[in-house]
Each structure stands twice: as C-alpha cells, then as structure tokens.
Amino acid sequence: MVGVEELASLDFVLWRRTGKQAAKALDCNQSTISRRLGRCLQVFQLKMWRIRNEWDVPHSLLLQMERELHQHCRLLGHLPLRLEACPLTAPLLAQPLPEGWIGGCYDHIGVERPMQLLRERVIDAWICDAVDDLPPPSMRPDLALHPLWRNPVALHAAPGHPLAGKQALSSTDLRSFPCLNIPAGVFERSRSLLHSLVPLDGLAPFGNGGALLCHRDLADDPPIQLLLETLRWRLAQKGATLPDLERL
C-alpha cells in the first residue's frame, strides 16, 4: 500500500501532464511531487512512459485496487473528488467548481484519454460533450452515462448551393459536398460567410449531446448525484447559451 499523497502525486502527473501542474493542484513543490511519485512507482514496480504528450504506466491490478480504495476515501469526503470536462463545456458547467471537487485540464480533444482516466479511477467523473463519439454501451458496461443535454445538428449551405432548396436529401447527396468547420477567432471573414447559410432539408449524419460519465458502481453515490443535480441546474440557468456554443 502507498499513502494518499504518494498515489495522488502519480495520478495528478498522469492527469495534469506535468509535475508543475501536479504540484499546483496538490499545493506542494515539484521536488515533493517527484519524491512521492518515485516512491509510488517503486512500490508497484512500474515505469512511466510518454505517448503523444500523455504520461502513462502499465496496467497493474494492484494499482487499480489501491486506486479504488483511495477513490472510496474521496467519496466519503476525506479528499476532493476529481472532475474532468471537455473544452467547450468546462467554462459553462465546471466553473466555478462544485463544492468538494477539483478540476482538470479541460483541454482533451476526443474521448479516448478521458475515458482511460475514468476507467483507471484517476478521475471520478467526466463531463463529455461528444456522446455520439463514445463507444457503444456494450463496449462500456463499466461506465454509467447520465444524459445532460441533446442539441439537434442542422445542415446549412450558401443560397446558390446545388443542394439549397432540394427536398429530402440523402446521405449520398451530402457526401458529395464536404464542409470544413472554422473555429471562432480564426479566419473571421470566412467564418462569417459560413454562418450566413440557408438550412438544408436533410438530417445531419451525426448528433450532438452531453452527459456526465462515472463508474457504474459509483452512479448512485450521493456526491455523484449532487454533482448531477448541480450540472442540470446550471444547464437550466444557461440553457440559452448552449445552443450557441454547439453551433461553433
């Protein structure tokens, strides 16, 4: 077994990516993080490696059992619970942080890394804004999904576009005209032109929704349920903002 601070040092380096960020979150200096991290790796006989800017360690059943125990301590209120969120929704739903929670990077692109952190119990909950990109339920039986919102995705085109005015568009019609999304603050003139398009009579080949994910065995725990209530309340207060966000 390792102490709470030692395992937290490992997990926060994995989660926050650097010793500097881990030290900031745990309110200590980097040398302390390094010492605790080394002790943790020694106990579990593990080595860290870096893949695509993310630190990782080999799978260890003993480490997972230890993490589950420490997670239970967090759920009892002995330490802050750990919340990750997607870049677009973090400012709306995770700031300010709900009481009893500490936040993460809020900059993960895609669902793979947050799901890994969640499954390995490095984090306790994750606000995902790309539910349709998650693996199907059969491939994530260990995780519980609490739906938060669902926004329709509409298709638009320039008034003179070959598809404008055409009814009952098929997926074949859409495949012939790929479109590049331009984020806010980049190529503003081009982006403004994209936002002056007319709606098309066809369904988008994808959806857009958000949810809170956690381990299934934690889904009914009071801290998770309280977090869910807080997020739904914030959504009700900012409901007019989310559709604007999803159109970006």
Protein backbone atom coordinates (compact mmCIF):
# COMPACT_ATOMS: atom_id res chain seq x y z
CA MET A 1 0.00 0.00 0.00
CA VAL A 2 1.02 3.62 -0.53
CA GLY A 3 -0.07 6.79 1.16
CA VAL A 4 -2.77 9.07 -0.18
CA GLU A 5 -0.25 11.78 -1.09
CA GLU A 6 2.03 9.35 -2.95
CA LEU A 7 -0.70 7.90 -5.13
CA ALA A 8 -2.17 11.37 -5.70
CA SER A 9 1.23 12.53 -6.98
CA LEU A 10 1.26 9.76 -9.59
CA ASP A 11 -2.34 10.32 -10.59
CA PHE A 12 -2.04 14.08 -10.88
CA VAL A 13 1.05 13.84 -13.07
CA LEU A 14 -0.88 11.43 -15.31
CA TRP A 15 -3.93 13.69 -15.24
CA ARG A 16 -2.35 17.18 -15.34
CA ARG A 17 0.63 16.04 -17.52
CA THR A 18 3.45 17.78 -15.62
CA GLY A 19 4.98 17.82 -12.17
CA LYS A 20 4.47 21.57 -12.08
CA GLN A 21 0.73 21.28 -12.60
CA ALA A 22 0.51 18.38 -10.13
CA ALA A 23 2.36 20.42 -7.51
CA LYS A 24 -0.01 23.35 -8.08
CA ALA A 25 -3.07 21.14 -7.64
CA LEU A 26 -1.70 19.40 -4.54
CA ASP A 27 -0.28 22.61 -3.01
CA CYS A 28 3.33 21.48 -2.72
CA ASN A 29 6.59 21.88 -4.67
CA GLN A 30 7.80 19.87 -7.65
CA SER A 31 10.56 18.12 -5.72
CA THR A 32 7.94 16.78 -3.31
CA ILE A 33 5.88 15.50 -6.24
CA SER A 34 8.96 13.84 -7.72
CA ARG A 35 9.86 12.14 -4.44
CA ARG A 36 6.32 10.85 -3.83
CA LEU A 37 5.97 9.75 -7.45
CA GLY A 38 9.22 7.80 -7.29
CA ARG A 39 8.12 6.06 -4.12
CA CYS A 40 4.77 5.09 -5.69
CA LEU A 41 6.39 3.68 -8.82
CA GLN A 42 8.87 1.74 -6.69
CA VAL A 43 6.14 0.12 -4.58
CA PHE A 44 4.19 -1.03 -7.64
CA GLN A 45 7.37 -1.78 -9.65
CA LEU A 46 6.24 0.36 -12.57
CA LYS A 47 7.87 2.71 -15.06
CA MET A 48 6.24 5.68 -16.74
CA TRP A 49 6.36 6.43 -20.44
CA ARG A 50 5.07 9.25 -22.62
CA ILE A 51 2.82 8.77 -25.64
CA ARG A 52 1.50 11.72 -27.68
CA ASN A 53 2.15 14.19 -24.85
CA GLU A 54 0.43 11.97 -22.26
CA TRP A 55 2.15 10.09 -19.42
CA ASP A 56 1.11 6.51 -18.83
CA VAL A 57 2.01 3.44 -16.77
CA PRO A 58 1.50 -0.27 -17.47
CA HIS A 59 -1.70 -1.85 -16.22
CA SER A 60 -1.38 -3.12 -12.65
CA LEU A 61 -4.17 -4.95 -10.82
CA LEU A 62 -2.62 -4.00 -7.51
CA LEU A 63 -2.54 -0.33 -8.50
CA GLN A 64 -6.17 -0.48 -9.59
CA MET A 65 -7.20 -1.97 -6.25
CA GLU A 66 -5.30 0.79 -4.45
CA ARG A 67 -6.95 3.45 -6.59
CA GLU A 68 -10.39 2.03 -5.86
CA LEU A 69 -9.68 2.27 -2.14
CA HIS A 70 -8.49 5.88 -2.43
CA GLN A 71 -11.49 6.75 -4.58
CA HIS A 72 -13.75 5.46 -1.82
CA CYS A 73 -11.99 7.85 0.60
CA ARG A 74 -12.74 10.74 -1.76
CA LEU A 75 -16.39 9.74 -1.97
CA LEU A 76 -16.55 9.82 1.83
CA GLY A 77 -15.36 13.44 1.73
CA HIS A 78 -11.81 12.97 3.02
CA LEU A 79 -10.30 14.47 -0.15
CA PRO A 80 -11.65 16.46 -3.13
CA LEU A 81 -13.24 14.45 -5.92
CA ARG A 82 -11.76 14.83 -9.41
CA LEU A 83 -13.73 16.27 -12.31
CA GLU A 84 -12.70 16.48 -15.97
CA ALA A 85 -14.64 18.31 -18.68
CA CYS A 86 -14.45 19.00 -22.40
CA PRO A 87 -13.01 22.34 -23.60
CA LEU A 88 -16.29 23.94 -24.72
CA THR A 89 -18.45 22.95 -21.76
CA ALA A 90 -15.95 23.48 -18.94
CA PRO A 91 -16.47 27.28 -18.72
CA LEU A 92 -20.24 26.81 -18.56
CA LEU A 93 -20.61 23.78 -16.29
CA ALA A 94 -17.35 23.21 -14.42
CA GLN A 95 -16.50 26.80 -13.46
CA PRO A 96 -16.83 27.57 -10.67
CA LEU A 97 -16.14 24.05 -9.49
CA PRO A 98 -18.92 22.42 -7.48
CA GLU A 99 -18.13 22.17 -3.79
CA GLY A 100 -15.95 19.20 -2.95
CA TRP A 101 -14.46 18.84 -6.45
CA ILE A 102 -11.13 19.69 -8.06
CA GLY A 103 -10.87 20.27 -11.80
CA GLY A 104 -8.56 19.00 -14.52
CA CYS A 105 -7.05 20.13 -17.80
CA TYR A 106 -10.28 20.79 -19.73
CA ASP A 107 -8.36 20.52 -22.99
CA HIS A 108 -8.66 16.90 -24.12
CA ILE A 109 -9.62 16.55 -27.78
CA GLY A 110 -11.65 13.39 -28.31
CA VAL A 111 -12.95 10.83 -25.84
CA GLU A 112 -10.13 8.27 -25.60
CA ARG A 113 -7.94 9.82 -22.89
CA PRO A 114 -10.72 10.98 -20.53
CA MET A 115 -12.30 7.52 -20.75
CA GLN A 116 -8.97 5.94 -19.85
CA LEU A 117 -8.52 8.24 -16.85
CA LEU A 118 -12.07 7.48 -15.76
CA ARG A 119 -11.75 3.72 -16.13
CA GLU A 120 -8.45 3.67 -14.24
CA ARG A 121 -10.06 5.74 -11.44
CA VAL A 122 -7.56 8.56 -11.84
CA ILE A 123 -10.61 10.85 -12.14
CA ASP A 124 -14.06 10.35 -10.64
CA ALA A 125 -16.38 11.98 -13.20
CA TRP A 126 -16.21 13.44 -16.68
CA ILE A 127 -18.49 15.93 -18.46
CA CYS A 128 -18.47 14.72 -22.06
CA ASP A 129 -19.85 16.88 -24.87
CA ALA A 130 -19.44 14.25 -27.61
CA VAL A 131 -21.73 11.44 -26.56
CA ASP A 132 -22.16 10.16 -30.10
CA ASP A 133 -18.40 9.56 -30.31
CA LEU A 134 -18.38 7.27 -27.27
CA PRO A 135 -18.10 3.50 -27.80
CA PRO A 136 -21.50 1.75 -27.83
CA PRO A 137 -22.93 0.72 -24.44
CA SER A 138 -21.87 -2.88 -25.00
CA MET A 139 -18.24 -1.71 -25.02
CA ARG A 140 -18.52 0.39 -21.84
CA PRO A 141 -20.53 -1.74 -19.38
CA ASP A 142 -18.30 -0.47 -16.55
CA LEU A 143 -19.39 3.14 -17.05
CA ALA A 144 -22.67 4.89 -16.28
CA LEU A 145 -23.89 7.69 -18.53
CA HIS A 146 -26.17 10.43 -17.17
CA PRO A 147 -27.61 12.46 -20.11
CA LEU A 148 -27.43 16.23 -19.65
CA TRP A 149 -28.50 17.78 -22.96
CA ARG A 150 -29.22 16.98 -26.56
CA ASN A 151 -28.98 19.55 -29.35
CA PRO A 152 -30.09 18.97 -32.92
CA VAL A 153 -27.47 19.50 -35.61
CA ALA A 154 -28.75 21.37 -38.67
CA LEU A 155 -27.17 21.48 -42.10
CA HIS A 156 -26.75 24.78 -43.96
CA ALA A 157 -25.43 25.86 -47.35
CA ALA A 158 -24.96 29.05 -49.36
CA PRO A 159 -28.18 30.25 -51.09
CA GLY A 160 -26.76 29.33 -54.51
CA HIS A 161 -25.54 25.88 -53.45
CA PRO A 162 -26.72 22.92 -55.62
CA LEU A 163 -28.42 21.37 -52.57
CA ALA A 164 -30.20 24.56 -51.45
CA GLY A 165 -33.94 24.14 -51.97
CA LYS A 166 -33.66 20.43 -52.76
CA GLN A 167 -36.01 18.31 -50.65
CA ALA A 168 -35.42 15.06 -48.75
CA LEU A 169 -31.65 14.98 -49.09
CA SER A 170 -29.96 11.61 -48.74
CA SER A 171 -26.57 10.74 -47.27
CA THR A 172 -25.32 10.26 -50.82
CA ASP A 173 -26.25 13.85 -51.65
CA LEU A 174 -24.34 15.12 -48.61
CA ARG A 175 -21.17 13.11 -49.21
CA SER A 176 -20.54 14.99 -52.43
CA PHE A 177 -20.14 18.30 -50.58
CA PRO A 178 -17.74 18.07 -47.60
CA CYS A 179 -17.53 21.15 -45.35
CA LEU A 180 -14.70 22.44 -43.16
CA ASN A 181 -15.58 23.93 -39.78
CA ILE A 182 -13.71 27.10 -38.82
CA PRO A 183 -13.41 27.83 -35.08
CA ALA A 184 -14.13 31.24 -33.56
CA GLY A 185 -11.27 33.72 -33.70
CA VAL A 186 -9.70 32.18 -36.80
CA PHE A 187 -10.38 33.43 -40.35
CA GLU A 188 -13.28 35.56 -39.14
CA ARG A 189 -14.40 36.67 -42.63
CA SER A 190 -14.66 33.10 -43.87
CA ARG A 191 -16.40 32.06 -40.68
CA SER A 192 -18.97 34.84 -41.01
CA LEU A 193 -19.76 33.64 -44.53
CA LEU A 194 -20.31 30.11 -43.23
CA HIS A 195 -22.75 31.46 -40.66
CA SER A 196 -24.90 33.19 -43.32
CA LEU A 197 -26.03 29.90 -44.90
CA VAL A 198 -29.54 28.62 -45.57
CA PRO A 199 -30.88 25.43 -43.90
CA LEU A 200 -30.98 22.23 -45.94
CA ASP A 201 -33.80 19.71 -45.98
CA GLY A 202 -31.84 16.79 -44.63
CA LEU A 203 -30.67 15.18 -41.41
CA ALA A 204 -27.07 15.55 -40.30
CA PRO A 205 -25.17 12.25 -40.31
CA PHE A 206 -24.21 12.84 -36.66
CA GLY A 207 -25.71 14.17 -33.45
CA ASN A 208 -24.56 16.34 -30.59
CA GLY A 209 -25.16 15.72 -26.91
CA GLY A 210 -23.57 15.89 -23.50
CA ALA A 211 -23.53 13.66 -20.45
CA LEU A 212 -21.85 13.05 -17.11
CA LEU A 213 -19.92 9.78 -17.01
CA CYS A 214 -18.66 7.88 -13.99
CA HIS A 215 -18.01 4.31 -12.95
CA ARG A 216 -21.24 2.33 -12.80
CA ASP A 217 -20.59 1.29 -9.21
CA LEU A 218 -20.49 4.98 -8.21
CA ALA A 219 -23.52 6.18 -10.14
CA ASP A 220 -25.87 6.31 -7.17
CA ASP A 221 -23.40 7.67 -4.62
CA PRO A 222 -24.59 10.98 -3.06
CA PRO A 223 -21.60 13.07 -4.32
CA ILE A 224 -22.21 11.95 -7.91
CA GLN A 225 -25.94 12.59 -7.64
CA LEU A 226 -25.33 16.02 -6.11
CA LEU A 227 -22.92 16.86 -8.94
CA LEU A 228 -25.54 15.76 -11.45
CA GLU A 229 -28.15 18.00 -9.83
CA THR A 230 -25.71 20.94 -9.89
CA LEU A 231 -24.92 20.46 -13.57
CA ARG A 232 -28.59 20.19 -14.52
CA TRP A 233 -29.35 23.34 -12.55
CA ARG A 234 -26.55 25.19 -14.34
CA LEU A 235 -27.86 23.97 -17.66
CA ALA A 236 -31.31 25.29 -16.81
CA GLN A 237 -29.78 28.67 -15.96
CA LYS A 238 -27.63 28.80 -19.11
CA GLY A 239 -29.87 26.93 -21.50
CA ALA A 240 -29.90 29.79 -23.98
CA THR A 241 -26.11 29.71 -24.19
CA LEU A 242 -25.55 26.04 -25.03
CA PRO A 243 -27.18 26.03 -28.48
CA ASP A 244 -24.96 28.95 -29.46
CA LEU A 245 -21.98 27.02 -28.19
CA GLU A 246 -22.90 23.91 -30.15
CA ARG A 247 -23.17 25.84 -33.43
CA LEU A 248 -19.50 26.86 -33.34
